[in-house]
């Protein structure tokens, strides 16, 4: 049976989703996540509440992207290499995996496994899709932005997965988290430099889109955001004040989401590609950065070796 006929049998035309599906799925995960978060928030001090939102800020974009996979499946098939069989099947399969991962993260059920699998999936996308595309057009800075964007998403997911390991619970660190720190730190420095060089383009993830002229100080946002990115990214790479740097970086990215990307989405509500997806990308970057913050030891916490094993001790 041809792949197109098989896909039509599995997902008949009358089940074709409405363009509102990404909004619906994102809203459901957001509401569910906030309900779950509200049960834990009172027990956390101020900055830790923001850091604790990292998994939710990863989950909501995953739900949005899952909606994209169902809504625009046929258009996405052109992104896959020709040697991979069953293009339409894989688009739908990834969509199912994304919504499952989003639910897992907000409900905290198999969240470590879900985060690890998402991080690995991003690395596979890098290997088969984004890196070949960038290499084929090496002078296109936006292609490299996409490569590093996906790398940062993988880093955030792997950092989150690392916090569910026994090694992290005992020692406060894990080799995967160390790797994830570079996966995020290097792209953040690159993004910061790009924003300083090209401040008129949208901040945070500097893709091929100008900041709308109706945004206040639209041509200047790249300068302060870029400076914060460079400093915070270097802190992550050098492992200096990592938790603090990642926390404040997450706050800055969330600020750009509220001030720039939410209004952009409202202005382009019917255009998922130029509205909601930009918002989701930037929110996912914020979640990834906050995930690396949450994977770092808190200030005033050190590791002390004892005869019974390595335990965490708080110092004043």
C-alpha atoms as a PDB file:
ATOM      1  CA  UNK A   1       0.000   0.000   0.000  1.00  0.00           C
ATOM      2  CA  UNK A   2       1.487   3.447  -0.928  1.00  0.00           C
ATOM      3  CA  UNK A   3       2.472   5.634   2.018  1.00  0.00           C
ATOM      4  CA  UNK A   4      -0.130   8.294   1.186  1.00  0.00           C
ATOM      5  CA  UNK A   5      -2.946   5.718   1.133  1.00  0.00           C
ATOM      6  CA  UNK A   6      -1.716   4.188   4.382  1.00  0.00           C
ATOM      7  CA  UNK A   7      -1.643   7.606   6.052  1.00  0.00           C
ATOM      8  CA  UNK A   8      -5.156   8.386   4.786  1.00  0.00           C
ATOM      9  CA  UNK A   9      -6.376   5.111   6.275  1.00  0.00           C
ATOM     10  CA  UNK A  10      -4.727   5.796   9.628  1.00  0.00           C
ATOM     11  CA  UNK A  11      -5.761   9.490   9.708  1.00  0.00           C
ATOM     12  CA  UNK A  12      -8.793  10.036   7.438  1.00  0.00           C
ATOM     13  CA  UNK A  13      -9.517  13.448   5.957  1.00  0.00           C
ATOM     14  CA  UNK A  14     -12.589  14.055   8.104  1.00  0.00           C
ATOM     15  CA  UNK A  15     -10.323  14.022  11.161  1.00  0.00           C
ATOM     16  CA  UNK A  16      -8.172  16.858   9.775  1.00  0.00           C
ATOM     17  CA  UNK A  17      -7.563  19.207  12.729  1.00  0.00           C
ATOM     18  CA  UNK A  18      -8.646  22.796  12.915  1.00  0.00           C
ATOM     19  CA  UNK A  19      -5.942  25.508  12.694  1.00  0.00           C
ATOM     20  CA  UNK A  20      -6.801  26.332  16.314  1.00  0.00           C
ATOM     21  CA  UNK A  21      -5.369  23.002  17.476  1.00  0.00           C
ATOM     22  CA  UNK A  22      -1.907  24.360  18.461  1.00  0.00           C
ATOM     23  CA  UNK A  23      -3.602  27.057  20.563  1.00  0.00           C
ATOM     24  CA  UNK A  24      -5.921  24.531  22.170  1.00  0.00           C
ATOM     25  CA  UNK A  25      -3.206  22.032  23.056  1.00  0.00           C
ATOM     26  CA  UNK A  26      -0.890  24.752  24.358  1.00  0.00           C
ATOM     27  CA  UNK A  27      -3.675  26.241  26.500  1.00  0.00           C
ATOM     28  CA  UNK A  28      -4.632  22.852  27.968  1.00  0.00           C
ATOM     29  CA  UNK A  29      -1.039  22.105  28.978  1.00  0.00           C
ATOM     30  CA  UNK A  30      -0.574  25.644  30.342  1.00  0.00           C
ATOM     31  CA  UNK A  31      -3.681  25.447  32.531  1.00  0.00           C
ATOM     32  CA  UNK A  32      -2.897  21.934  33.705  1.00  0.00           C
ATOM     33  CA  UNK A  33       0.687  22.910  34.476  1.00  0.00           C
ATOM     34  CA  UNK A  34      -0.321  26.017  36.426  1.00  0.00           C
ATOM     35  CA  UNK A  35      -2.742  23.962  38.512  1.00  0.00           C
ATOM     36  CA  UNK A  36       0.000  21.476  39.348  1.00  0.00           C
ATOM     37  CA  UNK A  37       2.498  24.279  39.995  1.00  0.00           C
ATOM     38  CA  UNK A  38       0.138  26.121  42.356  1.00  0.00           C
ATOM     39  CA  UNK A  39       0.214  23.136  44.696  1.00  0.00           C
ATOM     40  CA  UNK A  40       3.986  23.402  45.069  1.00  0.00           C
ATOM     41  CA  UNK A  41       4.641  27.140  44.703  1.00  0.00           C
ATOM     42  CA  UNK A  42       4.011  28.177  48.347  1.00  0.00           C
ATOM     43  CA  UNK A  43       6.822  25.883  49.473  1.00  0.00           C
ATOM     44  CA  UNK A  44       9.407  27.613  47.260  1.00  0.00           C
ATOM     45  CA  UNK A  45      11.234  30.925  47.832  1.00  0.00           C
ATOM     46  CA  UNK A  46      10.944  33.730  45.262  1.00  0.00           C
ATOM     47  CA  UNK A  47      13.625  32.958  42.618  1.00  0.00           C
ATOM     48  CA  UNK A  48      13.040  29.227  42.932  1.00  0.00           C
ATOM     49  CA  UNK A  49       9.430  29.698  41.863  1.00  0.00           C
ATOM     50  CA  UNK A  50      10.604  31.032  38.516  1.00  0.00           C
ATOM     51  CA  UNK A  51      13.141  28.226  38.124  1.00  0.00           C
ATOM     52  CA  UNK A  52      10.466  25.670  38.999  1.00  0.00           C
ATOM     53  CA  UNK A  53       8.423  26.868  36.011  1.00  0.00           C
ATOM     54  CA  UNK A  54      11.099  25.588  33.629  1.00  0.00           C
ATOM     55  CA  UNK A  55       9.401  22.242  32.899  1.00  0.00           C
ATOM     56  CA  UNK A  56       6.099  24.015  32.193  1.00  0.00           C
ATOM     57  CA  UNK A  57       7.777  26.440  29.806  1.00  0.00           C
ATOM     58  CA  UNK A  58       9.170  23.424  27.969  1.00  0.00           C
ATOM     59  CA  UNK A  59       5.897  21.511  28.004  1.00  0.00           C
ATOM     60  CA  UNK A  60       3.670  24.255  26.563  1.00  0.00           C
ATOM     61  CA  UNK A  61       5.741  24.713  23.370  1.00  0.00           C
ATOM     62  CA  UNK A  62       5.879  20.935  22.931  1.00  0.00           C
ATOM     63  CA  UNK A  63       2.082  20.878  22.935  1.00  0.00           C
ATOM     64  CA  UNK A  64       1.973  23.744  20.424  1.00  0.00           C
ATOM     65  CA  UNK A  65       4.415  21.958  18.135  1.00  0.00           C
ATOM     66  CA  UNK A  66       2.387  18.758  18.471  1.00  0.00           C
ATOM     67  CA  UNK A  67      -0.584  20.708  17.125  1.00  0.00           C
ATOM     68  CA  UNK A  68       1.564  21.912  14.226  1.00  0.00           C
ATOM     69  CA  UNK A  69       2.423  18.307  13.374  1.00  0.00           C
ATOM     70  CA  UNK A  70      -1.241  17.374  13.103  1.00  0.00           C
ATOM     71  CA  UNK A  71      -2.378  20.602  11.459  1.00  0.00           C
ATOM     72  CA  UNK A  72       0.343  20.905   8.808  1.00  0.00           C
ATOM     73  CA  UNK A  73       1.569  17.342   8.482  1.00  0.00           C
ATOM     74  CA  UNK A  74       1.682  17.234   4.692  1.00  0.00           C
ATOM     75  CA  UNK A  75       3.579  20.511   4.468  1.00  0.00           C
ATOM     76  CA  UNK A  76       6.154  19.186   6.932  1.00  0.00           C
ATOM     77  CA  UNK A  77       6.936  16.098   4.878  1.00  0.00           C
ATOM     78  CA  UNK A  78       9.178  18.195   2.614  1.00  0.00           C
ATOM     79  CA  UNK A  79      11.511  18.755   5.580  1.00  0.00           C
ATOM     80  CA  UNK A  80      12.447  15.073   5.831  1.00  0.00           C
ATOM     81  CA  UNK A  81      15.287  13.508   3.817  1.00  0.00           C
ATOM     82  CA  UNK A  82      14.075  11.592   0.784  1.00  0.00           C
ATOM     83  CA  UNK A  83      15.731   8.358   1.979  1.00  0.00           C
ATOM     84  CA  UNK A  84      13.495   8.154   5.059  1.00  0.00           C
ATOM     85  CA  UNK A  85      10.353   6.114   4.232  1.00  0.00           C
ATOM     86  CA  UNK A  86       6.862   6.930   5.442  1.00  0.00           C
ATOM     87  CA  UNK A  87       7.240  10.704   5.804  1.00  0.00           C
ATOM     88  CA  UNK A  88       3.658  11.338   6.841  1.00  0.00           C
ATOM     89  CA  UNK A  89       3.753   8.569   9.449  1.00  0.00           C
ATOM     90  CA  UNK A  90       6.817  10.091  11.139  1.00  0.00           C
ATOM     91  CA  UNK A  91       5.255  13.564  11.225  1.00  0.00           C
ATOM     92  CA  UNK A  92       2.202  12.231  13.053  1.00  0.00           C
ATOM     93  CA  UNK A  93       4.303   9.963  15.259  1.00  0.00           C
ATOM     94  CA  UNK A  94       6.461  12.875  16.421  1.00  0.00           C
ATOM     95  CA  UNK A  95       3.304  14.875  17.107  1.00  0.00           C
ATOM     96  CA  UNK A  96       1.978  12.114  19.371  1.00  0.00           C
ATOM     97  CA  UNK A  97       5.349  11.895  21.133  1.00  0.00           C
ATOM     98  CA  UNK A  98       5.413  15.655  21.723  1.00  0.00           C
ATOM     99  CA  UNK A  99       1.984  15.787  23.347  1.00  0.00           C
ATOM    100  CA  UNK A 100       2.832  12.722  25.446  1.00  0.00           C
ATOM    101  CA  UNK A 101       6.043  14.410  26.606  1.00  0.00           C
ATOM    102  CA  UNK A 102       4.187  17.627  27.433  1.00  0.00           C
ATOM    103  CA  UNK A 103       1.678  15.733  29.590  1.00  0.00           C
ATOM    104  CA  UNK A 104       4.462  13.792  31.257  1.00  0.00           C
ATOM    105  CA  UNK A 105       6.307  16.983  32.216  1.00  0.00           C
ATOM    106  CA  UNK A 106       3.339  18.839  33.698  1.00  0.00           C
ATOM    107  CA  UNK A 107       1.981  15.774  35.515  1.00  0.00           C
ATOM    108  CA  UNK A 108       5.479  14.732  36.653  1.00  0.00           C
ATOM    109  CA  UNK A 109       4.945  11.170  35.462  1.00  0.00           C
ATOM    110  CA  UNK A 110       8.014   9.623  33.814  1.00  0.00           C
ATOM    111  CA  UNK A 111       9.178  13.230  33.361  1.00  0.00           C
ATOM    112  CA  UNK A 112      12.870  12.306  33.393  1.00  0.00           C
ATOM    113  CA  UNK A 113      12.363   9.767  30.635  1.00  0.00           C
ATOM    114  CA  UNK A 114      10.235  12.181  28.601  1.00  0.00           C
ATOM    115  CA  UNK A 115      12.841  14.948  28.914  1.00  0.00           C
ATOM    116  CA  UNK A 116      15.678  12.589  27.956  1.00  0.00           C
ATOM    117  CA  UNK A 117      13.826  11.304  24.900  1.00  0.00           C
ATOM    118  CA  UNK A 118      12.971  14.830  23.773  1.00  0.00           C
ATOM    119  CA  UNK A 119      16.615  15.873  24.162  1.00  0.00           C
ATOM    120  CA  UNK A 120      17.759  12.886  22.112  1.00  0.00           C
ATOM    121  CA  UNK A 121      15.121  13.606  19.468  1.00  0.00           C
ATOM    122  CA  UNK A 122      16.439  17.159  19.109  1.00  0.00           C
ATOM    123  CA  UNK A 123      19.943  15.790  18.575  1.00  0.00           C
ATOM    124  CA  UNK A 124      18.621  13.452  15.875  1.00  0.00           C
ATOM    125  CA  UNK A 125      16.911  16.405  14.184  1.00  0.00           C
ATOM    126  CA  UNK A 126      20.262  18.179  14.268  1.00  0.00           C
ATOM    127  CA  UNK A 127      22.038  15.229  12.672  1.00  0.00           C
ATOM    128  CA  UNK A 128      19.512  14.488   9.925  1.00  0.00           C
ATOM    129  CA  UNK A 129      17.893  17.860   9.214  1.00  0.00           C
ATOM    130  CA  UNK A 130      19.450  21.061  10.504  1.00  0.00           C
ATOM    131  CA  UNK A 131      23.207  20.496  10.276  1.00  0.00           C
ATOM    132  CA  UNK A 132      23.007  19.194   6.673  1.00  0.00           C
ATOM    133  CA  UNK A 133      20.865  22.208   5.798  1.00  0.00           C
ATOM    134  CA  UNK A 134      23.341  24.638   7.360  1.00  0.00           C
ATOM    135  CA  UNK A 135      26.341  22.961   5.751  1.00  0.00           C
ATOM    136  CA  UNK A 136      24.684  23.177   2.344  1.00  0.00           C
ATOM    137  CA  UNK A 137      24.363  26.959   2.804  1.00  0.00           C
ATOM    138  CA  UNK A 138      27.205  27.874   5.178  1.00  0.00           C
ATOM    139  CA  UNK A 139      26.940  31.633   4.637  1.00  0.00           C
ATOM    140  CA  UNK A 140      23.344  31.762   5.844  1.00  0.00           C
ATOM    141  CA  UNK A 141      23.564  32.857   9.475  1.00  0.00           C
ATOM    142  CA  UNK A 142      19.922  32.014  10.067  1.00  0.00           C
ATOM    143  CA  UNK A 143      20.566  28.353   9.244  1.00  0.00           C
ATOM    144  CA  UNK A 144      23.217  28.248  11.959  1.00  0.00           C
ATOM    145  CA  UNK A 145      20.830  30.013  14.323  1.00  0.00           C
ATOM    146  CA  UNK A 146      18.380  27.140  13.843  1.00  0.00           C
ATOM    147  CA  UNK A 147      21.142  24.582  14.444  1.00  0.00           C
ATOM    148  CA  UNK A 148      22.116  26.253  17.714  1.00  0.00           C
ATOM    149  CA  UNK A 149      18.501  26.831  18.702  1.00  0.00           C
ATOM    150  CA  UNK A 150      17.759  23.118  18.495  1.00  0.00           C
ATOM    151  CA  UNK A 151      20.990  22.399  20.383  1.00  0.00           C
ATOM    152  CA  UNK A 152      19.875  24.666  23.217  1.00  0.00           C
ATOM    153  CA  UNK A 153      16.479  22.928  23.316  1.00  0.00           C
ATOM    154  CA  UNK A 154      18.271  19.590  23.590  1.00  0.00           C
ATOM    155  CA  UNK A 155      20.468  20.983  26.358  1.00  0.00           C
ATOM    156  CA  UNK A 156      17.493  22.143  28.394  1.00  0.00           C
ATOM    157  CA  UNK A 157      15.753  18.785  28.065  1.00  0.00           C
ATOM    158  CA  UNK A 158      18.889  16.841  28.976  1.00  0.00           C
ATOM    159  CA  UNK A 159      19.546  19.119  31.957  1.00  0.00           C
ATOM    160  CA  UNK A 160      16.017  18.462  33.174  1.00  0.00           C
ATOM    161  CA  UNK A 161      16.448  14.720  32.655  1.00  0.00           C
ATOM    162  CA  UNK A 162      19.686  14.816  34.626  1.00  0.00           C
ATOM    163  CA  UNK A 163      17.876  16.126  37.704  1.00  0.00           C
ATOM    164  CA  UNK A 164      15.883  12.895  37.890  1.00  0.00           C
ATOM    165  CA  UNK A 165      18.990  10.707  38.184  1.00  0.00           C
ATOM    166  CA  UNK A 166      20.281   9.184  41.403  1.00  0.00           C
ATOM    167  CA  UNK A 167      23.693  10.746  40.775  1.00  0.00           C
ATOM    168  CA  UNK A 168      22.187  14.233  40.778  1.00  0.00           C
ATOM    169  CA  UNK A 169      20.176  13.565  43.914  1.00  0.00           C
ATOM    170  CA  UNK A 170      23.326  12.433  45.737  1.00  0.00           C
ATOM    171  CA  UNK A 171      25.979  14.722  44.300  1.00  0.00           C
ATOM    172  CA  UNK A 172      24.029  17.655  42.881  1.00  0.00           C
ATOM    173  CA  UNK A 173      25.577  17.145  39.456  1.00  0.00           C
ATOM    174  CA  UNK A 174      25.716  14.738  36.536  1.00  0.00           C
ATOM    175  CA  UNK A 175      27.860  14.501  33.408  1.00  0.00           C
ATOM    176  CA  UNK A 176      24.767  14.983  31.241  1.00  0.00           C
ATOM    177  CA  UNK A 177      24.098  18.306  32.990  1.00  0.00           C
ATOM    178  CA  UNK A 178      27.664  19.400  32.313  1.00  0.00           C
ATOM    179  CA  UNK A 179      27.231  18.619  28.616  1.00  0.00           C
ATOM    180  CA  UNK A 180      23.849  20.362  28.639  1.00  0.00           C
ATOM    181  CA  UNK A 181      25.453  23.501  30.083  1.00  0.00           C
ATOM    182  CA  UNK A 182      27.646  23.777  26.981  1.00  0.00           C
ATOM    183  CA  UNK A 183      24.701  22.912  24.731  1.00  0.00           C
ATOM    184  CA  UNK A 184      22.982  26.015  26.094  1.00  0.00           C
ATOM    185  CA  UNK A 185      25.911  28.322  26.864  1.00  0.00           C
ATOM    186  CA  UNK A 186      27.449  28.238  23.380  1.00  0.00           C
ATOM    187  CA  UNK A 187      24.181  29.044  21.532  1.00  0.00           C
ATOM    188  CA  UNK A 188      23.374  31.786  24.040  1.00  0.00           C
ATOM    189  CA  UNK A 189      26.696  33.554  23.346  1.00  0.00           C
ATOM    190  CA  UNK A 190      26.116  33.178  19.596  1.00  0.00           C
ATOM    191  CA  UNK A 191      22.596  34.589  19.905  1.00  0.00           C
ATOM    192  CA  UNK A 192      23.888  37.490  21.988  1.00  0.00           C
ATOM    193  CA  UNK A 193      26.565  38.432  19.450  1.00  0.00           C
ATOM    194  CA  UNK A 194      24.047  38.177  16.607  1.00  0.00           C
ATOM    195  CA  UNK A 195      21.669  40.481  18.451  1.00  0.00           C
ATOM    196  CA  UNK A 196      24.392  43.051  19.095  1.00  0.00           C
ATOM    197  CA  UNK A 197      25.375  42.975  15.415  1.00  0.00           C
ATOM    198  CA  UNK A 198      21.798  42.955  14.085  1.00  0.00           C
ATOM    199  CA  UNK A 199      19.626  44.617  16.773  1.00  0.00           C
ATOM    200  CA  UNK A 200      16.637  45.176  14.474  1.00  0.00           C
ATOM    201  CA  UNK A 201      15.876  41.446  14.281  1.00  0.00           C
ATOM    202  CA  UNK A 202      13.689  39.733  16.854  1.00  0.00           C
ATOM    203  CA  UNK A 203      15.598  39.197  20.117  1.00  0.00           C
ATOM    204  CA  UNK A 204      16.262  35.969  22.037  1.00  0.00           C
ATOM    205  CA  UNK A 205      16.391  33.616  19.031  1.00  0.00           C
ATOM    206  CA  UNK A 206      17.600  35.996  16.264  1.00  0.00           C
ATOM    207  CA  UNK A 207      15.798  34.493  13.270  1.00  0.00           C
ATOM    208  CA  UNK A 208      15.036  36.089   9.909  1.00  0.00           C
ATOM    209  CA  UNK A 209      12.288  38.359  11.174  1.00  0.00           C
ATOM    210  CA  UNK A 210      12.460  42.039  12.033  1.00  0.00           C
ATOM    211  CA  UNK A 211      10.977  43.235  15.287  1.00  0.00           C
ATOM    212  CA  UNK A 212       7.692  44.934  14.261  1.00  0.00           C
ATOM    213  CA  UNK A 213       7.950  48.712  14.042  1.00  0.00           C
ATOM    214  CA  UNK A 214       4.952  49.154  16.332  1.00  0.00           C
ATOM    215  CA  UNK A 215       6.855  47.519  19.228  1.00  0.00           C
ATOM    216  CA  UNK A 216       8.261  50.327  21.437  1.00  0.00           C
ATOM    217  CA  UNK A 217      11.999  50.826  20.803  1.00  0.00           C
ATOM    218  CA  UNK A 218      11.754  48.043  18.214  1.00  0.00           C
ATOM    219  CA  UNK A 219      15.244  48.605  16.796  1.00  0.00           C
ATOM    220  CA  UNK A 220      16.969  48.784  20.180  1.00  0.00           C
ATOM    221  CA  UNK A 221      15.892  45.603  21.966  1.00  0.00           C
ATOM    222  CA  UNK A 222      18.789  43.648  20.521  1.00  0.00           C
ATOM    223  CA  UNK A 223      21.371  45.673  22.438  1.00  0.00           C
ATOM    224  CA  UNK A 224      20.359  45.044  26.070  1.00  0.00           C
ATOM    225  CA  UNK A 225      19.122  41.523  25.375  1.00  0.00           C
ATOM    226  CA  UNK A 226      22.274  40.724  23.422  1.00  0.00           C
ATOM    227  CA  UNK A 227      24.513  42.021  26.217  1.00  0.00           C
ATOM    228  CA  UNK A 228      22.704  39.905  28.798  1.00  0.00           C
ATOM    229  CA  UNK A 229      22.978  36.867  26.534  1.00  0.00           C
ATOM    230  CA  UNK A 230      26.734  37.258  26.039  1.00  0.00           C
ATOM    231  CA  UNK A 231      27.451  37.699  29.755  1.00  0.00           C
ATOM    232  CA  UNK A 232      25.109  34.918  30.875  1.00  0.00           C
ATOM    233  CA  UNK A 233      26.307  32.570  28.146  1.00  0.00           C
ATOM    234  CA  UNK A 234      29.922  33.045  29.177  1.00  0.00           C
ATOM    235  CA  UNK A 235      28.944  32.338  32.786  1.00  0.00           C
ATOM    236  CA  UNK A 236      27.372  29.061  31.665  1.00  0.00           C
ATOM    237  CA  UNK A 237      30.388  28.057  29.573  1.00  0.00           C
ATOM    238  CA  UNK A 238      32.874  28.936  32.336  1.00  0.00           C
ATOM    239  CA  UNK A 239      30.591  27.523  35.062  1.00  0.00           C
ATOM    240  CA  UNK A 240      30.690  30.739  37.060  1.00  0.00           C
ATOM    241  CA  UNK A 241      27.578  31.808  39.000  1.00  0.00           C
ATOM    242  CA  UNK A 242      25.753  29.399  36.731  1.00  0.00           C
ATOM    243  CA  UNK A 243      22.465  29.145  38.581  1.00  0.00           C
ATOM    244  CA  UNK A 244      22.170  32.893  39.087  1.00  0.00           C
ATOM    245  CA  UNK A 245      23.150  33.674  35.495  1.00  0.00           C
ATOM    246  CA  UNK A 246      20.691  31.133  34.072  1.00  0.00           C
ATOM    247  CA  UNK A 247      17.894  32.352  36.344  1.00  0.00           C
ATOM    248  CA  UNK A 248      18.288  35.987  35.325  1.00  0.00           C
ATOM    249  CA  UNK A 249      18.706  34.998  31.695  1.00  0.00           C
ATOM    250  CA  UNK A 250      15.431  33.092  31.937  1.00  0.00           C
ATOM    251  CA  UNK A 251      13.744  36.175  33.396  1.00  0.00           C
ATOM    252  CA  UNK A 252      15.046  38.353  30.532  1.00  0.00           C
ATOM    253  CA  UNK A 253      13.805  35.882  27.926  1.00  0.00           C
ATOM    254  CA  UNK A 254      10.396  35.745  29.605  1.00  0.00           C
ATOM    255  CA  UNK A 255      10.313  39.543  29.526  1.00  0.00           C
ATOM    256  CA  UNK A 256      10.883  39.497  25.761  1.00  0.00           C
ATOM    257  CA  UNK A 257       8.097  36.925  25.447  1.00  0.00           C
ATOM    258  CA  UNK A 258       5.657  39.220  27.262  1.00  0.00           C
ATOM    259  CA  UNK A 259       6.713  42.500  25.640  1.00  0.00           C
ATOM    260  CA  UNK A 260       7.465  41.355  22.095  1.00  0.00           C
ATOM    261  CA  UNK A 261       6.268  37.860  21.254  1.00  0.00           C
ATOM    262  CA  UNK A 262       2.838  37.921  22.878  1.00  0.00           C
ATOM    263  CA  UNK A 263       1.893  41.147  21.012  1.00  0.00           C
ATOM    264  CA  UNK A 264       3.389  39.691  17.805  1.00  0.00           C
ATOM    265  CA  UNK A 265       1.239  36.615  18.267  1.00  0.00           C
ATOM    266  CA  UNK A 266      -1.885  38.680  18.885  1.00  0.00           C
ATOM    267  CA  UNK A 267      -1.189  40.671  15.723  1.00  0.00           C
ATOM    268  CA  UNK A 268      -0.685  37.445  13.736  1.00  0.00           C
ATOM    269  CA  UNK A 269      -3.134  35.192  15.555  1.00  0.00           C
ATOM    270  CA  UNK A 270      -4.261  33.468  12.370  1.00  0.00           C
ATOM    271  CA  UNK A 271      -0.724  32.959  11.072  1.00  0.00           C
ATOM    272  CA  UNK A 272       0.762  30.169  13.190  1.00  0.00           C
ATOM    273  CA  UNK A 273       4.142  30.263  11.441  1.00  0.00           C
ATOM    274  CA  UNK A 274       4.682  33.993  12.018  1.00  0.00           C
ATOM    275  CA  UNK A 275       2.971  34.342  15.370  1.00  0.00           C
ATOM    276  CA  UNK A 276       2.443  31.438  17.734  1.00  0.00           C
ATOM    277  CA  UNK A 277       5.494  29.454  16.642  1.00  0.00           C
ATOM    278  CA  UNK A 278       7.831  32.377  17.342  1.00  0.00           C
ATOM    279  CA  UNK A 279       6.300  32.729  20.792  1.00  0.00           C
ATOM    280  CA  UNK A 280       6.606  28.985  21.438  1.00  0.00           C
ATOM    281  CA  UNK A 281      10.248  28.893  20.296  1.00  0.00           C
ATOM    282  CA  UNK A 282      11.202  31.714  22.646  1.00  0.00           C
ATOM    283  CA  UNK A 283       9.234  30.249  25.544  1.00  0.00           C
ATOM    284  CA  UNK A 284      10.994  26.922  24.988  1.00  0.00           C
ATOM    285  CA  UNK A 285      14.351  28.713  25.140  1.00  0.00           C
ATOM    286  CA  UNK A 286      13.296  30.253  28.454  1.00  0.00           C
ATOM    287  CA  UNK A 287      12.276  26.841  29.759  1.00  0.00           C
ATOM    288  CA  UNK A 288      15.584  25.326  28.628  1.00  0.00           C
ATOM    289  CA  UNK A 289      17.584  28.051  30.385  1.00  0.00           C
ATOM    290  CA  UNK A 290      15.551  27.675  33.583  1.00  0.00           C
ATOM    291  CA  UNK A 291      16.047  23.906  33.394  1.00  0.00           C
ATOM    292  CA  UNK A 292      19.826  24.368  33.464  1.00  0.00           C
ATOM    293  CA  UNK A 293      19.364  26.786  36.383  1.00  0.00           C
ATOM    294  CA  UNK A 294      17.343  24.177  38.266  1.00  0.00           C
ATOM    295  CA  UNK A 295      20.035  21.573  37.642  1.00  0.00           C
ATOM    296  CA  UNK A 296      22.686  23.665  39.419  1.00  0.00           C
ATOM    297  CA  UNK A 297      23.395  23.597  43.182  1.00  0.00           C
ATOM    298  CA  UNK A 298      21.905  26.525  45.057  1.00  0.00           C
ATOM    299  CA  UNK A 299      24.154  29.205  46.514  1.00  0.00           C
ATOM    300  CA  UNK A 300      25.242  28.121  49.957  1.00  0.00           C
ATOM    301  CA  UNK A 301      25.073  24.423  49.148  1.00  0.00           C
ATOM    302  CA  UNK A 302      28.181  22.297  49.007  1.00  0.00           C
ATOM    303  CA  UNK A 303      28.970  18.641  48.731  1.00  0.00           C
ATOM    304  CA  UNK A 304      30.617  16.969  51.718  1.00  0.00           C
ATOM    305  CA  UNK A 305      32.002  13.458  51.654  1.00  0.00           C
ATOM    306  CA  UNK A 306      31.222  11.313  54.649  1.00  0.00           C
ATOM    307  CA  UNK A 307      31.924   7.770  55.575  1.00  0.00           C
ATOM    308  CA  UNK A 308      28.331   6.868  54.792  1.00  0.00           C
ATOM    309  CA  UNK A 309      28.511   8.453  51.346  1.00  0.00           C
ATOM    310  CA  UNK A 310      28.300  11.853  49.740  1.00  0.00           C
ATOM    311  CA  UNK A 311      25.562  14.039  51.161  1.00  0.00           C
ATOM    312  CA  UNK A 312      24.469  17.619  50.600  1.00  0.00           C
ATOM    313  CA  UNK A 313      25.128  20.055  53.429  1.00  0.00           C
ATOM    314  CA  UNK A 314      23.827  23.625  53.663  1.00  0.00           C
ATOM    315  CA  UNK A 315      26.225  26.280  54.842  1.00  0.00           C
ATOM    316  CA  UNK A 316      25.371  29.810  55.870  1.00  0.00           C
END
